[in-house]
N, C-alpha and C. Protein backbone atom coordinates (compact mmCIF):
# COMPACT_ATOMS: atom_id res chain seq x y z
N MET A 1 7.86 -9.97 -6.92
CA MET A 1 7.05 -11.07 -5.86
C MET A 1 5.75 -10.66 -6.41
N GLU A 2 5.02 -11.72 -5.82
CA GLU A 2 3.79 -11.84 -6.20
C GLU A 2 2.64 -11.33 -5.12
N ILE A 3 2.02 -10.31 -5.46
CA ILE A 3 1.11 -9.78 -4.93
C ILE A 3 -0.17 -9.83 -4.70
N GLY A 4 -1.32 -10.68 -3.86
CA GLY A 4 -2.15 -10.50 -3.93
C GLY A 4 -3.17 -9.55 -2.85
N THR A 5 -4.56 -9.36 -3.64
CA THR A 5 -5.18 -8.30 -2.90
C THR A 5 -6.72 -8.92 -2.48
N ILE A 6 -7.06 -9.06 -0.99
CA ILE A 6 -8.64 -9.35 -1.17
C ILE A 6 -9.02 -7.69 -0.69
N GLY A 7 -10.13 -7.70 -2.03
CA GLY A 7 -10.98 -6.75 -2.46
C GLY A 7 -9.78 -6.11 -3.20
N ALA A 8 -11.00 -5.22 -4.05
CA ALA A 8 -10.51 -4.59 -4.99
C ALA A 8 -10.97 -3.76 -5.35
N GLY A 9 -11.31 -2.60 -4.35
CA GLY A 9 -11.85 -1.03 -4.56
C GLY A 9 -11.03 0.00 -5.00
N ALA A 10 -11.18 0.73 -4.56
CA ALA A 10 -9.95 1.72 -4.83
C ALA A 10 -9.03 1.98 -4.51
N PHE A 11 -9.27 1.67 -2.59
CA PHE A 11 -7.45 1.45 -2.47
C PHE A 11 -6.72 0.38 -2.82
N ALA A 12 -7.57 -0.77 -3.17
CA ALA A 12 -6.63 -2.08 -3.16
C ALA A 12 -6.15 -1.73 -5.11
N GLN A 13 -6.94 -1.10 -5.74
CA GLN A 13 -6.27 -0.75 -6.97
C GLN A 13 -5.48 0.24 -6.94
N ALA A 14 -5.57 1.12 -6.16
CA ALA A 14 -4.21 2.26 -6.08
C ALA A 14 -2.88 1.46 -5.72
N PHE A 15 -2.89 0.64 -4.70
CA PHE A 15 -1.93 -0.31 -4.06
C PHE A 15 -1.26 -0.98 -5.29
N ALA A 16 -2.53 -2.02 -5.88
CA ALA A 16 -2.06 -2.65 -7.22
C ALA A 16 -0.63 -1.55 -8.22
N LYS A 17 -1.54 -0.79 -8.71
CA LYS A 17 -1.13 0.00 -9.67
C LYS A 17 0.56 0.44 -8.79
N ARG A 18 0.51 0.74 -8.03
CA ARG A 18 2.03 1.14 -7.56
C ARG A 18 2.82 -0.34 -7.33
N ALA A 19 2.36 -0.96 -7.09
CA ALA A 19 3.08 -2.36 -7.37
C ALA A 19 3.55 -3.11 -8.48
N LEU A 20 2.34 -2.62 -9.59
CA LEU A 20 2.71 -2.59 -10.57
C LEU A 20 3.86 -2.10 -11.36
N GLN A 21 3.88 -0.70 -11.32
CA GLN A 21 5.00 0.24 -11.18
C GLN A 21 6.29 -0.01 -10.84
N ALA A 22 6.07 -1.06 -9.77
CA ALA A 22 7.72 -1.65 -9.05
C ALA A 22 8.25 -2.81 -9.62
N GLY A 23 7.25 -3.13 -10.66
CA GLY A 23 7.28 -4.75 -11.36
C GLY A 23 6.70 -6.00 -10.58
N HIS A 24 6.07 -5.75 -9.72
CA HIS A 24 5.70 -6.92 -8.76
C HIS A 24 4.16 -7.63 -9.99
N LYS A 25 4.14 -8.38 -9.83
CA LYS A 25 3.12 -9.25 -10.40
C LYS A 25 1.31 -8.94 -9.17
N VAL A 26 0.63 -8.40 -9.22
CA VAL A 26 -0.63 -8.73 -8.79
C VAL A 26 -1.99 -9.62 -9.15
N LYS A 27 -2.32 -10.14 -8.05
CA LYS A 27 -3.76 -11.39 -8.14
C LYS A 27 -4.69 -10.23 -7.62
N LEU A 28 -5.61 -9.91 -8.20
CA LEU A 28 -6.63 -9.52 -7.59
C LEU A 28 -8.04 -9.89 -7.11
N SER A 29 -8.42 -10.06 -6.39
CA SER A 29 -9.93 -10.65 -5.81
C SER A 29 -11.04 -9.95 -5.13
N ASN A 30 -11.82 -10.34 -5.20
CA ASN A 30 -13.51 -9.80 -4.75
C ASN A 30 -14.13 -10.97 -4.24
N SER A 31 -15.13 -10.25 -3.51
CA SER A 31 -16.52 -11.24 -3.26
C SER A 31 -17.02 -11.88 -4.26
N ARG A 32 -17.31 -11.57 -5.42
CA ARG A 32 -17.92 -11.09 -6.49
C ARG A 32 -17.25 -12.36 -7.34
N GLY A 33 -15.93 -12.69 -7.60
CA GLY A 33 -15.27 -13.50 -8.16
C GLY A 33 -14.66 -13.19 -9.48
N PRO A 34 -13.62 -13.42 -9.87
CA PRO A 34 -12.99 -13.06 -10.84
C PRO A 34 -13.40 -12.56 -12.08
N ASP A 35 -14.38 -12.92 -12.74
CA ASP A 35 -15.16 -12.53 -13.82
C ASP A 35 -15.73 -11.18 -14.00
N SER A 36 -15.53 -10.50 -12.57
CA SER A 36 -16.19 -9.18 -12.20
C SER A 36 -15.22 -8.08 -12.60
N LEU A 37 -13.84 -8.76 -12.71
CA LEU A 37 -12.51 -8.35 -12.26
C LEU A 37 -12.27 -7.66 -13.24
N ARG A 38 -12.56 -7.93 -14.87
CA ARG A 38 -11.75 -8.06 -16.25
C ARG A 38 -11.66 -6.40 -16.40
N GLU A 39 -12.31 -5.39 -16.30
CA GLU A 39 -12.48 -4.44 -16.47
C GLU A 39 -11.28 -3.81 -15.85
N ILE A 40 -11.03 -3.92 -14.87
CA ILE A 40 -10.26 -3.49 -13.27
C ILE A 40 -8.71 -3.98 -14.32
N VAL A 41 -8.62 -5.55 -14.16
CA VAL A 41 -7.32 -5.77 -14.41
C VAL A 41 -6.61 -5.72 -15.88
N ASN A 42 -7.96 -5.07 -16.85
CA ASN A 42 -7.72 -4.90 -18.01
C ASN A 42 -7.01 -2.81 -17.98
N GLN A 43 -7.68 -2.22 -17.11
CA GLN A 43 -6.99 -0.83 -16.63
C GLN A 43 -5.54 -1.19 -16.15
N LEU A 44 -5.75 -1.08 -15.65
CA LEU A 44 -4.30 -1.73 -14.42
C LEU A 44 -2.99 -2.01 -15.47
N GLY A 45 -3.46 -3.47 -16.25
CA GLY A 45 -2.40 -3.37 -17.67
C GLY A 45 -1.35 -4.84 -17.24
N PRO A 46 -0.59 -4.84 -17.58
CA PRO A 46 -0.01 -6.60 -17.49
C PRO A 46 0.93 -6.62 -16.30
N GLY A 47 0.58 -7.83 -16.22
CA GLY A 47 0.99 -8.14 -14.54
C GLY A 47 -0.04 -7.86 -13.49
N ALA A 48 -1.05 -7.27 -13.88
CA ALA A 48 -2.23 -7.72 -13.34
C ALA A 48 -3.34 -8.86 -13.63
N THR A 49 -3.52 -9.53 -12.55
CA THR A 49 -4.53 -11.12 -13.16
C THR A 49 -5.39 -10.99 -12.01
N ALA A 50 -6.86 -11.50 -12.58
CA ALA A 50 -8.31 -11.79 -11.71
C ALA A 50 -8.20 -13.21 -10.70
N ALA A 51 -8.48 -13.18 -9.61
CA ALA A 51 -8.44 -14.42 -9.13
C ALA A 51 -9.29 -14.72 -8.08
N THR A 52 -9.44 -15.34 -7.29
CA THR A 52 -10.35 -16.13 -6.72
C THR A 52 -9.80 -15.64 -5.12
N LYS A 53 -10.31 -15.25 -4.04
CA LYS A 53 -9.63 -14.82 -2.63
C LYS A 53 -8.56 -16.26 -2.25
N GLU A 54 -8.89 -17.18 -2.64
CA GLU A 54 -7.69 -17.90 -2.16
C GLU A 54 -6.74 -17.77 -2.69
N GLU A 55 -6.33 -17.84 -4.24
CA GLU A 55 -5.76 -17.63 -5.08
C GLU A 55 -4.81 -16.19 -4.66
N ALA A 56 -5.31 -15.31 -4.21
CA ALA A 56 -4.94 -14.11 -3.65
C ALA A 56 -4.01 -14.61 -2.75
N ALA A 57 -4.82 -15.22 -1.94
CA ALA A 57 -4.04 -15.25 -0.26
C ALA A 57 -2.69 -15.99 -0.56
N ALA A 58 -2.52 -16.95 -1.52
CA ALA A 58 -1.50 -17.90 -1.79
C ALA A 58 -0.40 -16.77 -2.14
N CYS A 59 -0.66 -15.66 -2.43
CA CYS A 59 0.45 -15.07 -3.06
C CYS A 59 1.37 -14.64 -1.51
N ASP A 60 2.89 -14.66 -1.92
CA ASP A 60 3.92 -13.88 -0.80
C ASP A 60 3.47 -12.97 -0.29
N MET A 61 2.90 -11.73 -0.68
CA MET A 61 2.18 -10.87 0.16
C MET A 61 0.86 -10.68 -0.39
N VAL A 62 -0.39 -10.38 0.64
CA VAL A 62 -1.02 -10.04 1.04
C VAL A 62 -1.94 -9.01 1.24
N LEU A 63 -2.77 -8.07 0.41
CA LEU A 63 -2.95 -6.81 1.34
C LEU A 63 -4.64 -7.10 1.41
N LEU A 64 -5.26 -6.81 2.92
CA LEU A 64 -6.38 -7.30 3.08
C LEU A 64 -6.73 -5.62 2.90
N ALA A 65 -8.05 -5.74 2.28
CA ALA A 65 -8.62 -4.57 1.67
C ALA A 65 -10.51 -4.58 1.77
N VAL A 66 -10.83 -4.89 2.97
CA VAL A 66 -11.85 -4.92 2.84
C VAL A 66 -12.65 -3.98 3.70
N PRO A 67 -14.43 -3.75 3.83
CA PRO A 67 -14.45 -3.08 4.92
C PRO A 67 -14.58 -3.90 6.02
N TRP A 68 -14.25 -3.18 7.15
CA TRP A 68 -14.17 -3.22 8.30
C TRP A 68 -14.73 -4.81 8.84
N ASP A 69 -16.52 -4.21 8.54
CA ASP A 69 -17.14 -4.91 9.40
C ASP A 69 -17.35 -6.46 9.04
N ASN A 70 -16.58 -6.69 7.27
CA ASN A 70 -16.14 -7.82 6.52
C ASN A 70 -14.87 -8.40 6.80
N VAL A 71 -14.14 -8.16 7.73
CA VAL A 71 -12.28 -8.61 8.29
C VAL A 71 -12.81 -10.22 8.98
N PRO A 72 -13.83 -10.43 9.50
CA PRO A 72 -13.67 -11.56 10.77
C PRO A 72 -14.22 -12.37 9.67
N GLU A 73 -15.23 -12.42 8.83
CA GLU A 73 -15.85 -13.40 7.87
C GLU A 73 -15.08 -13.58 6.69
N THR A 74 -14.33 -12.47 6.02
CA THR A 74 -13.13 -12.69 5.34
C THR A 74 -12.08 -13.62 5.43
N LEU A 75 -11.44 -13.18 7.04
CA LEU A 75 -10.17 -13.98 7.13
C LEU A 75 -10.15 -15.00 7.61
N ALA A 76 -11.67 -15.61 8.29
CA ALA A 76 -11.99 -16.80 8.76
C ALA A 76 -12.31 -17.83 7.43
N SER A 77 -12.79 -17.45 6.32
CA SER A 77 -12.79 -17.93 4.63
C SER A 77 -11.54 -18.41 4.06
N LEU A 78 -10.70 -18.14 4.89
CA LEU A 78 -9.12 -18.13 4.07
C LEU A 78 -8.29 -19.63 4.81
N PRO A 79 -8.03 -19.87 3.65
CA PRO A 79 -6.85 -21.05 4.45
C PRO A 79 -5.88 -20.71 4.62
N LYS A 80 -5.16 -22.01 5.85
CA LYS A 80 -4.06 -21.22 7.00
C LYS A 80 -3.39 -20.28 5.85
N TRP A 81 -2.60 -19.32 6.57
CA TRP A 81 -1.47 -18.65 6.42
C TRP A 81 -0.21 -19.60 5.92
N ASN A 82 0.86 -19.15 4.94
CA ASN A 82 1.96 -20.42 5.37
C ASN A 82 3.62 -19.31 4.40
N ASN A 83 3.67 -18.71 5.98
CA ASN A 83 4.48 -17.76 5.45
C ASN A 83 4.59 -16.28 4.81
N GLN A 84 3.09 -15.96 4.04
CA GLN A 84 2.87 -14.94 3.71
C GLN A 84 2.85 -13.65 4.50
N ILE A 85 3.03 -12.34 4.11
CA ILE A 85 3.19 -11.27 4.58
C ILE A 85 1.97 -11.10 4.03
N LEU A 86 1.39 -10.21 5.47
CA LEU A 86 -0.27 -9.64 5.42
C LEU A 86 0.03 -8.16 5.58
N ILE A 87 -0.68 -7.50 4.83
CA ILE A 87 -0.68 -5.85 4.86
C ILE A 87 -1.64 -6.04 5.29
N ASP A 88 -2.55 -5.10 6.46
CA ASP A 88 -3.69 -5.06 7.02
C ASP A 88 -3.95 -3.47 7.01
N GLY A 89 -5.31 -3.54 5.78
CA GLY A 89 -5.29 -2.42 5.06
C GLY A 89 -7.46 -2.20 5.33
N PRO A 90 -7.49 -2.61 6.54
CA PRO A 90 -9.25 -2.73 6.37
C PRO A 90 -9.62 -0.99 6.26
N ILE A 91 -10.64 -1.36 5.67
CA ILE A 91 -11.24 -0.25 5.16
C ILE A 91 -12.44 0.58 5.82
N LEU A 92 -11.83 1.79 6.47
CA LEU A 92 -12.72 2.30 8.12
C LEU A 92 -14.31 3.18 7.79
N PHE A 93 -14.45 3.39 6.63
CA PHE A 93 -15.41 4.24 6.96
C PHE A 93 -16.74 3.88 6.45
N MET A 94 -16.50 2.52 6.62
CA MET A 94 -18.08 2.11 6.47
C MET A 94 -18.21 0.84 7.71
N VAL A 95 -17.93 1.60 8.73
CA VAL A 95 -18.41 1.46 10.68
C VAL A 95 -18.97 2.65 10.75
N ARG A 96 -19.41 2.28 11.94
CA ARG A 96 -20.22 3.25 13.04
C ARG A 96 -18.99 3.78 13.93
N PRO A 97 -19.07 4.98 13.76
CA PRO A 97 -17.87 5.33 14.83
C PRO A 97 -17.88 5.24 16.32
N GLU A 98 -19.11 4.74 16.86
CA GLU A 98 -19.46 4.64 18.22
C GLU A 98 -19.12 3.27 18.43
N ILE A 99 -18.59 2.23 17.61
CA ILE A 99 -18.51 0.81 17.79
C ILE A 99 -16.94 0.56 17.85
N SER A 100 -16.21 0.18 19.27
CA SER A 100 -14.83 -0.16 18.93
C SER A 100 -14.71 -1.68 18.25
N HIS A 101 -13.98 -1.73 17.37
CA HIS A 101 -14.29 -2.54 16.46
C HIS A 101 -12.86 -3.69 16.41
N ARG A 102 -11.29 -3.03 17.86
CA ARG A 102 -10.23 -3.28 17.67
C ARG A 102 -10.31 -5.13 18.33
N PRO A 103 -11.70 -5.34 19.37
CA PRO A 103 -11.66 -6.27 20.05
C PRO A 103 -11.90 -7.35 18.89
N MET A 104 -12.77 -7.42 17.57
CA MET A 104 -13.21 -7.97 16.49
C MET A 104 -11.97 -8.45 16.35
N LEU A 105 -11.14 -7.16 15.64
CA LEU A 105 -9.74 -7.91 14.53
C LEU A 105 -8.94 -8.59 15.68
N GLU A 106 -8.61 -8.29 16.71
CA GLU A 106 -7.97 -9.24 17.28
C GLU A 106 -8.17 -10.60 17.79
N THR A 107 -9.21 -10.38 18.10
CA THR A 107 -10.00 -12.00 18.04
C THR A 107 -9.91 -12.73 16.50
N SER A 108 -10.17 -12.37 15.38
CA SER A 108 -10.19 -12.98 14.31
C SER A 108 -8.86 -12.57 14.00
N LEU A 109 -7.79 -12.24 14.20
CA LEU A 109 -6.26 -12.56 13.74
C LEU A 109 -5.78 -13.95 15.04
N ARG A 110 -6.38 -13.65 16.12
CA ARG A 110 -6.10 -15.04 17.42
C ARG A 110 -6.43 -16.38 16.55
N ALA A 111 -8.18 -16.49 16.08
CA ALA A 111 -8.45 -17.61 15.52
C ALA A 111 -7.59 -17.97 14.00
N ARG A 112 -7.16 -16.68 13.27
CA ARG A 112 -6.51 -17.68 12.25
C ARG A 112 -4.81 -18.20 12.52
N SER A 113 -4.49 -17.49 13.84
CA SER A 113 -3.23 -17.65 13.92
C SER A 113 -3.27 -19.60 14.43
N ARG A 114 -4.19 -19.85 15.53
CA ARG A 114 -4.16 -20.97 15.90
C ARG A 114 -4.61 -22.04 15.18
N ARG A 115 -5.03 -22.02 13.83
CA ARG A 115 -5.37 -22.89 12.72
C ARG A 115 -3.87 -23.11 12.08
N ARG A 116 -3.05 -21.97 12.31
CA ARG A 116 -1.83 -22.69 11.43
C ARG A 116 -1.32 -24.37 12.32
């Protein structure tokens, strides 16, 4: 299976490492573009490639691994889903605890589903 990551921080890298060990191919992406991922891809080894967000989002399975505050913008900028599996793993450590972000995520996901 080909798995894409939207985000390439520690969480996405750990996920990619396990997926590669299980025999999957992984396309990592981030907001800075594929060229910024060369070192990470080299460290992960065969089966890992750097990709654009759009390329990663086109994989069979997609890991969303961006800071929570970036979820709406990230999802809105992607093409329509085409029966892929989305693993929702937003990074919560960059959010202010006094703000509830659940309504924001629900709104983002509803907006994406309407565009199908």
